[in-house]
Structure formats: structure tokens, C-alpha cells
Amino acid sequence: MLVEQAVVKKIADGWIEVEAIQRSACDACSQKGCGNGVVAKAFGSRLHRLSLPDPGNLKLEQEVKIALPEQTLLSGASLIYLLPLIAAIVFAVAVSSLQPMLGAQPDEGWQIAAALSGGIIGWFFARRKARQLEQDPACRIQILQDEQLPVAISHTMQDSGR
């Protein structure tokens, strides 16, 4: 589980809003002066807010730990980055292989168009699959309280946009 510290900022209508600060990897490293540290200092920390269903026992300004299963992160990253790229490559190779079979001269314009089409189709498929993963109970964000077992959360709403 990937665990982050968060603070409860709002409780209303069965929802809580938590705020977490995204830290760079350098916060866990004792080495000073590396390239990652310089980049992290240049961009600073980012504040993230999540709206989650209220488990019923939290108070304002209470510190909680929120957890995301590693498999969820890996699946999401694979979908968003790899699937469109693989689809673009497959479409481009398919068009370049089919052109000589059809008696046409190899044309880069068609290959580029096929790669763009494959990338777009792959992105739409990845988006659809990511929405299905959001409904999977194993992929849900969890609130960890007092080193107890995780409190399961049924679903989330980003940026309080109900």
C-alpha cells in the first residue's frame, strides 16, 4: 500500500474532504545536492484534496493516513501510458505492412495517420477501462486510523465536484 498523511478539512453530507501534500522522493533520502533534489525544490510541494465517504468517526483537522494499493497505481499507469503507445505502434506497423500487399507505395503520411488513430483509440479504451477499475473494491482508497485495519471506502469524488 502507498500511504500518505492527510488532514480532514471538511465534513459535510456524508463526505469528508482530506488534504495531503505531495512530497518528492527526496523527502525520504539523506543525500544532499542530487539532481532530483534540485528539481523538487524548483517545483515545490503540491496540495491535493480528495473527497471520500465519511466513515463516521473523524473530526475536523484530524490527521489520518490514506492508502492506495500499489496494484491500482501500476494498473492505472499501464493503462494511461502503455496502451495508447502500443496501439499507435500496432496501427502504424499494420498500415506499413498492408500497403505493399495492396500494391500501394509505402507512404509515411498513412503510417503517421494510423499511429495517431491507434493512439487515440488506445486512449479511449484506456479511459473506459480506468472507469471500470474505479468501481473495483480492491482499487479503492482506504483510510487507515490508529494503526488499525483499513476502513474500506466505496468510491471517491475528486475535487469535491459532486
Protein backbone atom coordinates (compact mmCIF):
# COMPACT_ATOMS: atom_id res chain seq x y z
CA MET A 1 0.00 0.00 0.00
CA LEU A 2 1.14 3.52 -0.78
CA VAL A 3 0.39 5.55 2.34
CA GLU A 4 0.20 9.33 2.69
CA GLN A 5 -0.53 11.55 5.65
CA ALA A 6 -3.64 13.73 5.23
CA VAL A 7 -5.70 16.15 7.29
CA VAL A 8 -9.51 16.20 7.43
CA LYS A 9 -10.53 19.67 6.21
CA LYS A 10 -14.29 19.37 5.77
CA ILE A 11 -17.11 17.08 6.89
CA ALA A 12 -20.50 17.51 5.25
CA ASP A 13 -23.36 15.46 3.83
CA GLY A 14 -21.73 12.09 4.46
CA TRP A 15 -18.45 13.13 2.82
CA ILE A 16 -15.10 14.18 4.18
CA GLU A 17 -12.54 16.26 2.37
CA VAL A 18 -8.93 15.44 3.13
CA GLU A 19 -5.87 17.42 2.16
CA ALA A 20 -2.47 15.84 1.53
CA ILE A 21 0.82 17.37 0.47
CA GLN A 22 2.62 15.61 -2.36
CA ARG A 23 6.23 15.17 -1.36
CA SER A 24 9.16 14.46 -3.62
CA ALA A 25 11.23 11.31 -3.27
CA CYS A 26 13.96 13.49 -1.73
CA ASP A 27 11.98 13.78 1.49
CA ALA A 28 12.97 10.19 2.23
CA CYS A 29 16.60 10.44 1.09
CA SER A 30 19.51 11.67 3.19
CA GLN A 31 21.76 12.52 0.23
CA LYS A 32 22.07 16.23 -0.43
CA GLY A 33 22.69 18.00 -3.71
CA CYS A 34 21.44 15.44 -6.21
CA GLY A 35 19.60 16.42 -9.39
CA ASN A 36 16.22 15.19 -8.14
CA GLY A 37 16.51 17.43 -5.08
CA VAL A 38 17.20 20.50 -7.20
CA VAL A 39 14.18 19.79 -9.42
CA ALA A 40 11.95 19.10 -6.38
CA LYS A 41 12.95 22.41 -4.78
CA ALA A 42 12.23 24.26 -8.02
CA PHE A 43 8.69 22.93 -8.29
CA GLY A 44 7.89 22.69 -4.57
CA SER A 45 5.15 20.62 -2.97
CA ARG A 46 1.64 20.28 -4.37
CA LEU A 47 -1.51 20.23 -2.30
CA HIS A 48 -4.10 17.58 -3.16
CA ARG A 49 -7.69 17.41 -1.96
CA LEU A 50 -9.84 14.31 -2.10
CA SER A 51 -13.48 13.86 -1.18
CA LEU A 52 -14.18 10.48 0.38
CA PRO A 53 -17.24 8.93 2.02
CA ASP A 54 -17.30 9.71 5.74
CA PRO A 55 -16.65 6.59 7.84
CA GLY A 56 -18.41 8.43 10.69
CA ASN A 57 -15.70 8.72 13.33
CA LEU A 58 -13.45 11.52 12.06
CA LYS A 59 -13.14 15.10 13.29
CA LEU A 60 -12.03 18.31 11.58
CA GLU A 61 -8.25 18.80 11.45
CA GLN A 62 -7.70 15.15 12.45
CA GLU A 63 -4.65 13.59 10.86
CA VAL A 64 -5.36 10.37 9.02
CA LYS A 65 -3.43 8.11 6.71
CA ILE A 66 -4.88 7.41 3.30
CA ALA A 67 -3.71 4.35 1.40
CA LEU A 68 -3.81 3.29 -2.24
CA PRO A 69 -2.95 -0.28 -3.26
CA GLU A 70 0.22 -0.46 -5.39
CA GLN A 71 -1.57 -2.63 -7.93
CA THR A 72 -4.05 0.19 -8.55
CA LEU A 73 -1.26 2.63 -9.32
CA LEU A 74 0.54 0.18 -11.59
CA SER A 75 -2.63 -0.76 -13.46
CA GLY A 76 -3.60 2.86 -13.95
CA ALA A 77 -0.15 3.89 -15.16
CA SER A 78 -0.02 0.95 -17.57
CA LEU A 79 -3.41 1.82 -18.98
CA ILE A 80 -2.81 5.52 -19.39
CA TYR A 81 0.73 5.38 -20.77
CA LEU A 82 1.33 2.00 -22.37
CA LEU A 83 -1.98 1.14 -24.00
CA PRO A 84 -2.16 4.20 -26.31
CA LEU A 85 1.53 3.81 -27.19
CA ILE A 86 1.19 0.12 -28.04
CA ALA A 87 -1.97 0.77 -30.07
CA ALA A 88 -0.21 3.55 -32.02
CA ILE A 89 2.71 1.26 -32.85
CA VAL A 90 0.46 -1.66 -33.85
CA PHE A 91 -1.66 0.54 -36.14
CA ALA A 92 1.42 2.09 -37.81
CA VAL A 93 3.07 -1.31 -38.38
CA ALA A 94 -0.19 -2.77 -39.69
CA VAL A 95 -0.57 0.02 -42.26
CA SER A 96 3.07 -0.18 -43.34
CA SER A 97 2.69 -3.97 -43.77
CA LEU A 98 -0.60 -3.71 -45.67
CA GLN A 99 0.48 -1.04 -48.16
CA PRO A 100 2.82 -3.30 -50.21
CA MET A 101 0.26 -6.14 -50.12
CA LEU A 102 -2.33 -3.84 -51.63
CA GLY A 103 0.07 -2.70 -54.32
CA ALA A 104 0.46 0.79 -52.91
CA GLN A 105 3.74 2.56 -52.42
CA PRO A 106 4.78 2.89 -48.76
CA ASP A 107 3.64 6.33 -47.65
CA GLU A 108 4.66 7.85 -44.33
CA GLY A 109 1.54 10.02 -44.28
CA TRP A 110 -0.71 6.98 -43.94
CA GLN A 111 1.56 5.48 -41.29
CA ILE A 112 1.50 8.68 -39.25
CA ALA A 113 -2.29 8.90 -39.57
CA ALA A 114 -2.59 5.25 -38.50
CA ALA A 115 -0.32 5.83 -35.50
CA LEU A 116 -2.37 8.86 -34.42
CA SER A 117 -5.61 6.92 -34.89
CA GLY A 118 -4.24 3.98 -32.89
CA GLY A 119 -3.10 6.28 -30.10
CA ILE A 120 -6.49 7.96 -29.89
CA ILE A 121 -8.36 4.65 -29.95
CA GLY A 122 -5.98 3.27 -27.31
CA TRP A 123 -6.55 6.34 -25.13
CA PHE A 124 -10.36 5.96 -25.33
CA PHE A 125 -10.10 2.27 -24.47
CA ALA A 126 -7.77 3.07 -21.54
CA ARG A 127 -10.17 5.72 -20.27
CA ARG A 128 -13.08 3.29 -20.41
CA LYS A 129 -11.10 0.57 -18.64
CA ALA A 130 -9.90 3.05 -15.97
CA ARG A 131 -13.52 3.93 -15.18
CA GLN A 132 -14.25 0.22 -14.73
CA LEU A 133 -11.27 -0.07 -12.35
CA GLU A 134 -12.67 2.78 -10.24
CA GLN A 135 -15.60 0.53 -9.37
CA ASP A 136 -13.36 -2.36 -8.29
CA PRO A 137 -13.35 -2.67 -4.45
CA ALA A 138 -9.69 -3.77 -4.50
CA CYS A 139 -8.69 -0.47 -6.16
CA ARG A 140 -10.31 1.90 -3.68
CA ILE A 141 -8.57 4.42 -1.48
CA GLN A 142 -8.62 3.42 2.17
CA ILE A 143 -8.40 5.43 5.38
CA LEU A 144 -6.04 3.97 7.97
CA GLN A 145 -6.83 5.01 11.53
CA ASP A 146 -4.74 4.46 14.65
CA GLU A 147 -2.73 1.65 13.06
CA GLN A 148 -5.92 -0.39 12.77
CA LEU A 149 -7.15 -2.31 9.78
CA PRO A 150 -8.10 -0.16 6.79
CA VAL A 151 -11.58 1.31 6.61
CA ALA A 152 -12.93 0.41 3.16
CA ILE A 153 -14.34 3.26 1.10
CA SER A 154 -16.94 2.59 -1.53
CA HIS A 155 -15.95 5.35 -4.00
CA THR A 156 -14.31 8.79 -4.28
CA MET A 157 -15.10 12.12 -5.83
CA GLN A 158 -12.16 14.28 -6.97
CA ASP A 159 -12.06 17.97 -6.07
CA SER A 160 -15.45 17.92 -4.32
CA GLY A 161 -17.20 18.16 -7.68
CA ARG A 162 -20.31 16.17 -6.82
